[in-house]
Amino acid sequence: MGKQPVRMKAVIYALSPFQQKTVSGLWNDLPSKIHHKVSENWLSATLLLAPVVGVYSYVQHYQEKEKLEHRY
């Protein structure tokens, strides 16, 4: 039994230069999407942002304290 060649079709996907608005849907109405996600998950957002804000304020306070010590 011999092998028979099988013809395969190549499928090529391409975007038309006139239809390249595929990613624009991500940016439409972005502020309301963010507000909706945060309002649904406000507890998770708080637990995510609280340590970041706390560390940032601590670093700012520490840097200000260091500046004052080096002046004298």
PDB file of N, CA and C in Angstrom:
ATOM      1  N   MET A   1       0.829  -1.172   0.000  1.00  0.00           N
ATOM      2  CA  MET A   1       0.000   0.000   0.000  1.00  0.00           C
ATOM      3  C   MET A   1       0.879   1.243   0.000  1.00  0.00           C
ATOM      4  N   GLY A   2       0.661   2.080  -0.933  1.00  0.00           N
ATOM      5  CA  GLY A   2       1.448   3.305  -1.032  1.00  0.00           C
ATOM      6  C   GLY A   2       0.753   4.466  -0.342  1.00  0.00           C
ATOM      7  N   LYS A   3       1.540   5.459  -0.035  1.00  0.00           N
ATOM      8  CA  LYS A   3       0.970   6.650   0.594  1.00  0.00           C
ATOM      9  C   LYS A   3       0.404   7.549  -0.482  1.00  0.00           C
ATOM     10  N   GLN A   4      -0.757   8.049  -0.230  1.00  0.00           N
ATOM     11  CA  GLN A   4      -1.378   8.959  -1.178  1.00  0.00           C
ATOM     12  C   GLN A   4      -1.209  10.395  -0.683  1.00  0.00           C
ATOM     13  N   PRO A   5      -0.779  11.279  -1.532  1.00  0.00           N
ATOM     14  CA  PRO A   5      -0.616  12.672  -1.094  1.00  0.00           C
ATOM     15  C   PRO A   5      -1.980  13.299  -0.797  1.00  0.00           C
ATOM     16  N   VAL A   6      -2.012  14.049   0.244  1.00  0.00           N
ATOM     17  CA  VAL A   6      -3.243  14.722   0.655  1.00  0.00           C
ATOM     18  C   VAL A   6      -3.054  16.208   0.424  1.00  0.00           C
ATOM     19  N   ARG A   7      -3.989  16.790  -0.277  1.00  0.00           N
ATOM     20  CA  ARG A   7      -3.911  18.230  -0.517  1.00  0.00           C
ATOM     21  C   ARG A   7      -4.507  18.966   0.679  1.00  0.00           C
ATOM     22  N   MET A   8      -3.751  19.910   1.193  1.00  0.00           N
ATOM     23  CA  MET A   8      -4.241  20.701   2.321  1.00  0.00           C
ATOM     24  C   MET A   8      -4.457  22.129   1.859  1.00  0.00           C
ATOM     25  N   LYS A   9      -5.476  22.719   2.387  1.00  0.00           N
ATOM     26  CA  LYS A   9      -5.749  24.119   2.066  1.00  0.00           C
ATOM     27  C   LYS A   9      -5.127  24.990   3.143  1.00  0.00           C
ATOM     28  N   ALA A  10      -4.459  26.008   2.732  1.00  0.00           N
ATOM     29  CA  ALA A  10      -3.891  26.969   3.682  1.00  0.00           C
ATOM     30  C   ALA A  10      -4.932  28.039   3.962  1.00  0.00           C
ATOM     31  N   VAL A  11      -5.154  28.285   5.221  1.00  0.00           N
ATOM     32  CA  VAL A  11      -6.110  29.315   5.609  1.00  0.00           C
ATOM     33  C   VAL A  11      -5.317  30.489   6.152  1.00  0.00           C
ATOM     34  N   ILE A  12      -5.504  31.611   5.542  1.00  0.00           N
ATOM     35  CA  ILE A  12      -4.769  32.807   5.947  1.00  0.00           C
ATOM     36  C   ILE A  12      -5.788  33.834   6.430  1.00  0.00           C
ATOM     37  N   TYR A  13      -5.585  34.283   7.653  1.00  0.00           N
ATOM     38  CA  TYR A  13      -6.449  35.304   8.214  1.00  0.00           C
ATOM     39  C   TYR A  13      -5.719  36.638   8.136  1.00  0.00           C
ATOM     40  N   ALA A  14      -6.369  37.626   7.662  1.00  0.00           N
ATOM     41  CA  ALA A  14      -5.775  38.959   7.573  1.00  0.00           C
ATOM     42  C   ALA A  14      -6.854  39.990   7.851  1.00  0.00           C
ATOM     43  N   LEU A  15      -6.419  41.099   8.399  1.00  0.00           N
ATOM     44  CA  LEU A  15      -7.340  42.200   8.637  1.00  0.00           C
ATOM     45  C   LEU A  15      -7.314  43.143   7.448  1.00  0.00           C
ATOM     46  N   SER A  16      -8.459  43.548   7.059  1.00  0.00           N
ATOM     47  CA  SER A  16      -8.544  44.537   6.003  1.00  0.00           C
ATOM     48  C   SER A  16      -8.070  45.871   6.562  1.00  0.00           C
ATOM     49  N   PRO A  17      -7.384  46.669   5.775  1.00  0.00           N
ATOM     50  CA  PRO A  17      -6.953  47.974   6.288  1.00  0.00           C
ATOM     51  C   PRO A  17      -8.138  48.881   6.614  1.00  0.00           C
ATOM     52  N   PHE A  18      -9.312  48.526   6.132  1.00  0.00           N
ATOM     53  CA  PHE A  18     -10.494  49.331   6.402  1.00  0.00           C
ATOM     54  C   PHE A  18     -11.251  48.856   7.638  1.00  0.00           C
ATOM     55  N   GLN A  19     -10.861  47.704   8.203  1.00  0.00           N
ATOM     56  CA  GLN A  19     -11.576  47.151   9.348  1.00  0.00           C
ATOM     57  C   GLN A  19     -10.627  46.850  10.503  1.00  0.00           C
ATOM     58  N   GLN A  20      -9.773  47.786  10.856  1.00  0.00           N
ATOM     59  CA  GLN A  20      -8.816  47.557  11.935  1.00  0.00           C
ATOM     60  C   GLN A  20      -9.252  48.249  13.216  1.00  0.00           C
ATOM     61  N   LYS A  21     -10.524  48.232  13.495  1.00  0.00           N
ATOM     62  CA  LYS A  21     -11.029  48.810  14.728  1.00  0.00           C
ATOM     63  C   LYS A  21     -11.336  47.716  15.742  1.00  0.00           C
ATOM     64  N   THR A  22     -10.531  46.670  15.771  1.00  0.00           N
ATOM     65  CA  THR A  22     -10.811  45.545  16.664  1.00  0.00           C
ATOM     66  C   THR A  22     -10.480  45.874  18.110  1.00  0.00           C
ATOM     67  N   VAL A  23      -9.458  46.664  18.355  1.00  0.00           N
ATOM     68  CA  VAL A  23      -9.029  46.949  19.723  1.00  0.00           C
ATOM     69  C   VAL A  23      -9.750  48.166  20.289  1.00  0.00           C
ATOM     70  N   SER A  24     -10.380  48.940  19.464  1.00  0.00           N
ATOM     71  CA  SER A  24     -11.023  50.155  19.956  1.00  0.00           C
ATOM     72  C   SER A  24     -12.145  49.851  20.938  1.00  0.00           C
ATOM     73  N   GLY A  25     -12.715  48.657  20.889  1.00  0.00           N
ATOM     74  CA  GLY A  25     -13.761  48.293  21.830  1.00  0.00           C
ATOM     75  C   GLY A  25     -13.279  48.236  23.263  1.00  0.00           C
ATOM     76  N   LEU A  26     -11.984  48.034  23.456  1.00  0.00           N
ATOM     77  CA  LEU A  26     -11.429  48.008  24.812  1.00  0.00           C
ATOM     78  C   LEU A  26     -11.439  49.396  25.441  1.00  0.00           C
ATOM     79  N   TRP A  27     -11.299  50.430  24.630  1.00  0.00           N
ATOM     80  CA  TRP A  27     -11.155  51.784  25.158  1.00  0.00           C
ATOM     81  C   TRP A  27     -12.487  52.538  25.217  1.00  0.00           C
ATOM     82  N   ASN A  28     -13.511  52.003  24.606  1.00  0.00           N
ATOM     83  CA  ASN A  28     -14.804  52.690  24.631  1.00  0.00           C
ATOM     84  C   ASN A  28     -15.372  52.678  26.040  1.00  0.00           C
ATOM     85  N   ASP A  29     -15.718  53.838  26.530  1.00  0.00           N
ATOM     86  CA  ASP A  29     -16.377  53.983  27.830  1.00  0.00           C
ATOM     87  C   ASP A  29     -15.561  53.380  28.962  1.00  0.00           C
ATOM     88  N   LEU A  30     -14.252  53.600  28.931  1.00  0.00           N
ATOM     89  CA  LEU A  30     -13.341  53.018  29.925  1.00  0.00           C
ATOM     90  C   LEU A  30     -13.629  53.495  31.354  1.00  0.00           C
ATOM     91  N   PRO A  31     -13.857  54.793  31.602  1.00  0.00           N
ATOM     92  CA  PRO A  31     -14.128  55.212  32.992  1.00  0.00           C
ATOM     93  C   PRO A  31     -15.345  54.524  33.611  1.00  0.00           C
ATOM     94  N   SER A  32     -16.408  54.349  32.842  1.00  0.00           N
ATOM     95  CA  SER A  32     -17.580  53.698  33.431  1.00  0.00           C
ATOM     96  C   SER A  32     -17.337  52.213  33.658  1.00  0.00           C
ATOM     97  N   LYS A  33     -16.522  51.583  32.811  1.00  0.00           N
ATOM     98  CA  LYS A  33     -16.177  50.175  33.031  1.00  0.00           C
ATOM     99  C   LYS A  33     -15.373  50.018  34.316  1.00  0.00           C
ATOM    100  N   ILE A  34     -14.424  50.923  34.528  1.00  0.00           N
ATOM    101  CA  ILE A  34     -13.614  50.869  35.757  1.00  0.00           C
ATOM    102  C   ILE A  34     -14.507  51.121  36.963  1.00  0.00           C
ATOM    103  N   HIS A  35     -15.392  52.106  36.886  1.00  0.00           N
ATOM    104  CA  HIS A  35     -16.303  52.404  38.000  1.00  0.00           C
ATOM    105  C   HIS A  35     -17.187  51.202  38.307  1.00  0.00           C
ATOM    106  N   HIS A  36     -17.667  50.543  37.281  1.00  0.00           N
ATOM    107  CA  HIS A  36     -18.533  49.373  37.477  1.00  0.00           C
ATOM    108  C   HIS A  36     -17.768  48.249  38.170  1.00  0.00           C
ATOM    109  N   LYS A  37     -16.541  47.984  37.733  1.00  0.00           N
ATOM    110  CA  LYS A  37     -15.739  46.922  38.341  1.00  0.00           C
ATOM    111  C   LYS A  37     -15.405  47.245  39.791  1.00  0.00           C
ATOM    112  N   VAL A  38     -15.056  48.497  40.064  1.00  0.00           N
ATOM    113  CA  VAL A  38     -14.703  48.879  41.438  1.00  0.00           C
ATOM    114  C   VAL A  38     -15.932  48.841  42.329  1.00  0.00           C
ATOM    115  N   SER A  39     -17.079  49.299  41.821  1.00  0.00           N
ATOM    116  CA  SER A  39     -18.276  49.291  42.655  1.00  0.00           C
ATOM    117  C   SER A  39     -18.750  47.863  42.939  1.00  0.00           C
ATOM    118  N   GLU A  40     -18.518  46.950  42.009  1.00  0.00           N
ATOM    119  CA  GLU A  40     -18.856  45.548  42.272  1.00  0.00           C
ATOM    120  C   GLU A  40     -17.908  44.930  43.292  1.00  0.00           C
ATOM    121  N   ASN A  41     -16.636  45.294  43.219  1.00  0.00           N
ATOM    122  CA  ASN A  41     -15.605  44.665  44.050  1.00  0.00           C
ATOM    123  C   ASN A  41     -14.920  45.703  44.929  1.00  0.00           C
ATOM    124  N   TRP A  42     -15.688  46.522  45.640  1.00  0.00           N
ATOM    125  CA  TRP A  42     -15.095  47.606  46.408  1.00  0.00           C
ATOM    126  C   TRP A  42     -14.225  47.093  47.544  1.00  0.00           C
ATOM    127  N   LEU A  43     -14.584  45.959  48.139  1.00  0.00           N
ATOM    128  CA  LEU A  43     -13.772  45.430  49.228  1.00  0.00           C
ATOM    129  C   LEU A  43     -12.415  44.978  48.716  1.00  0.00           C
ATOM    130  N   SER A  44     -12.397  44.287  47.600  1.00  0.00           N
ATOM    131  CA  SER A  44     -11.124  43.849  47.020  1.00  0.00           C
ATOM    132  C   SER A  44     -10.285  45.039  46.584  1.00  0.00           C
ATOM    133  N   ALA A  45     -10.941  46.065  46.023  1.00  0.00           N
ATOM    134  CA  ALA A  45     -10.213  47.257  45.595  1.00  0.00           C
ATOM    135  C   ALA A  45      -9.605  47.973  46.797  1.00  0.00           C
ATOM    136  N   THR A  46     -10.344  48.025  47.899  1.00  0.00           N
ATOM    137  CA  THR A  46      -9.821  48.659  49.109  1.00  0.00           C
ATOM    138  C   THR A  46      -8.628  47.883  49.655  1.00  0.00           C
ATOM    139  N   LEU A  47      -8.756  46.569  49.687  1.00  0.00           N
ATOM    140  CA  LEU A  47      -7.655  45.756  50.202  1.00  0.00           C
ATOM    141  C   LEU A  47      -6.443  45.789  49.275  1.00  0.00           C
ATOM    142  N   LEU A  48      -6.655  46.083  48.011  1.00  0.00           N
ATOM    143  CA  LEU A  48      -5.538  46.218  47.091  1.00  0.00           C
ATOM    144  C   LEU A  48      -4.875  47.580  47.227  1.00  0.00           C
ATOM    145  N   LEU A  49      -5.678  48.635  47.345  1.00  0.00           N
ATOM    146  CA  LEU A  49      -5.133  49.986  47.345  1.00  0.00           C
ATOM    147  C   LEU A  49      -4.619  50.437  48.706  1.00  0.00           C
ATOM    148  N   ALA A  50      -5.167  49.938  49.792  1.00  0.00           N
ATOM    149  CA  ALA A  50      -4.766  50.387  51.123  1.00  0.00           C
ATOM    150  C   ALA A  50      -3.275  50.142  51.395  1.00  0.00           C
ATOM    151  N   PRO A  51      -2.722  48.964  51.137  1.00  0.00           N
ATOM    152  CA  PRO A  51      -1.280  48.788  51.364  1.00  0.00           C
ATOM    153  C   PRO A  51      -0.419  49.671  50.462  1.00  0.00           C
ATOM    154  N   VAL A  52      -0.854  49.880  49.240  1.00  0.00           N
ATOM    155  CA  VAL A  52      -0.071  50.718  48.323  1.00  0.00           C
ATOM    156  C   VAL A  52      -0.046  52.157  48.817  1.00  0.00           C
ATOM    157  N   VAL A  53      -1.194  52.685  49.222  1.00  0.00           N
ATOM    158  CA  VAL A  53      -1.263  54.049  49.729  1.00  0.00           C
ATOM    159  C   VAL A  53      -0.501  54.159  51.051  1.00  0.00           C
ATOM    160  N   GLY A  54      -0.601  53.147  51.893  1.00  0.00           N
ATOM    161  CA  GLY A  54       0.110  53.164  53.170  1.00  0.00           C
ATOM    162  C   GLY A  54       1.613  53.167  52.988  1.00  0.00           C
ATOM    163  N   VAL A  55       2.115  52.337  52.124  1.00  0.00           N
ATOM    164  CA  VAL A  55       3.561  52.292  51.877  1.00  0.00           C
ATOM    165  C   VAL A  55       4.035  53.600  51.262  1.00  0.00           C
ATOM    166  N   TYR A  56       3.259  54.144  50.329  1.00  0.00           N
ATOM    167  CA  TYR A  56       3.643  55.405  49.695  1.00  0.00           C
ATOM    168  C   TYR A  56       3.711  56.536  50.721  1.00  0.00           C
ATOM    169  N   SER A  57       2.704  56.624  51.594  1.00  0.00           N
ATOM    170  CA  SER A  57       2.712  57.695  52.592  1.00  0.00           C
ATOM    171  C   SER A  57       3.843  57.491  53.598  1.00  0.00           C
ATOM    172  N   TYR A  58       4.143  56.249  53.952  1.00  0.00           N
ATOM    173  CA  TYR A  58       5.260  55.980  54.857  1.00  0.00           C
ATOM    174  C   TYR A  58       6.581  56.418  54.232  1.00  0.00           C
ATOM    175  N   VAL A  59       6.770  56.110  52.962  1.00  0.00           N
ATOM    176  CA  VAL A  59       8.016  56.485  52.281  1.00  0.00           C
ATOM    177  C   VAL A  59       8.133  58.001  52.194  1.00  0.00           C
ATOM    178  N   GLN A  60       7.037  58.681  51.896  1.00  0.00           N
ATOM    179  CA  GLN A  60       7.075  60.144  51.839  1.00  0.00           C
ATOM    180  C   GLN A  60       7.436  60.729  53.206  1.00  0.00           C
ATOM    181  N   HIS A  61       6.845  60.197  54.251  1.00  0.00           N
ATOM    182  CA  HIS A  61       7.137  60.673  55.602  1.00  0.00           C
ATOM    183  C   HIS A  61       8.594  60.406  55.957  1.00  0.00           C
ATOM    184  N   TYR A  62       9.096  59.233  55.621  1.00  0.00           N
ATOM    185  CA  TYR A  62      10.491  58.870  55.928  1.00  0.00           C
ATOM    186  C   TYR A  62      11.459  59.768  55.166  1.00  0.00           C
ATOM    187  N   GLN A  63      11.183  60.037  53.902  1.00  0.00           N
ATOM    188  CA  GLN A  63      12.066  60.899  53.123  1.00  0.00           C
ATOM    189  C   GLN A  63      12.070  62.321  53.663  1.00  0.00           C
ATOM    190  N   GLU A  64      10.922  62.806  54.080  1.00  0.00           N
ATOM    191  CA  GLU A  64      10.855  64.147  54.664  1.00  0.00           C
ATOM    192  C   GLU A  64      11.638  64.192  55.975  1.00  0.00           C
ATOM    193  N   LYS A  65      11.536  63.150  56.761  1.00  0.00           N
ATOM    194  CA  LYS A  65      12.267  63.058  58.029  1.00  0.00           C
ATOM    195  C   LYS A  65      13.778  63.044  57.769  1.00  0.00           C
ATOM    196  N   GLU A  66      14.199  62.310  56.741  1.00  0.00           N
ATOM    197  CA  GLU A  66      15.626  62.266  56.390  1.00  0.00           C
ATOM    198  C   GLU A  66      16.139  63.630  55.939  1.00  0.00           C
ATOM    199  N   LYS A  67      15.333  64.367  55.172  1.00  0.00           N
ATOM    200  CA  LYS A  67      15.747  65.694  54.713  1.00  0.00           C
ATOM    201  C   LYS A  67      15.941  66.632  55.899  1.00  0.00           C
ATOM    202  N   LEU A  68      15.031  66.550  56.862  1.00  0.00           N
ATOM    203  CA  LEU A  68      15.126  67.430  58.028  1.00  0.00           C
ATOM    204  C   LEU A  68      16.345  67.088  58.875  1.00  0.00           C
ATOM    205  N   GLU A  69      16.715  65.823  58.980  1.00  0.00           N
ATOM    206  CA  GLU A  69      17.874  65.436  59.775  1.00  0.00           C
ATOM    207  C   GLU A  69      19.181  65.856  59.115  1.00  0.00           C
ATOM    208  N   HIS A  70      19.227  65.867  57.802  1.00  0.00           N
ATOM    209  CA  HIS A  70      20.455  66.231  57.112  1.00  0.00           C
ATOM    210  C   HIS A  70      20.664  67.737  57.054  1.00  0.00           C
ATOM    211  N   ARG A  71      19.614  68.524  57.315  1.00  0.00           N
ATOM    212  CA  ARG A  71      19.771  69.973  57.335  1.00  0.00           C
ATOM    213  C   ARG A  71      20.592  70.433  58.530  1.00  0.00           C
ATOM    214  N   TYR A  72      20.419  69.775  59.639  1.00  0.00           N
ATOM    215  CA  TYR A  72      21.078  70.224  60.877  1.00  0.00           C
ATOM    216  C   TYR A  72      22.377  69.518  61.102  1.00  0.00           C
TER     217      TYR A  72
END
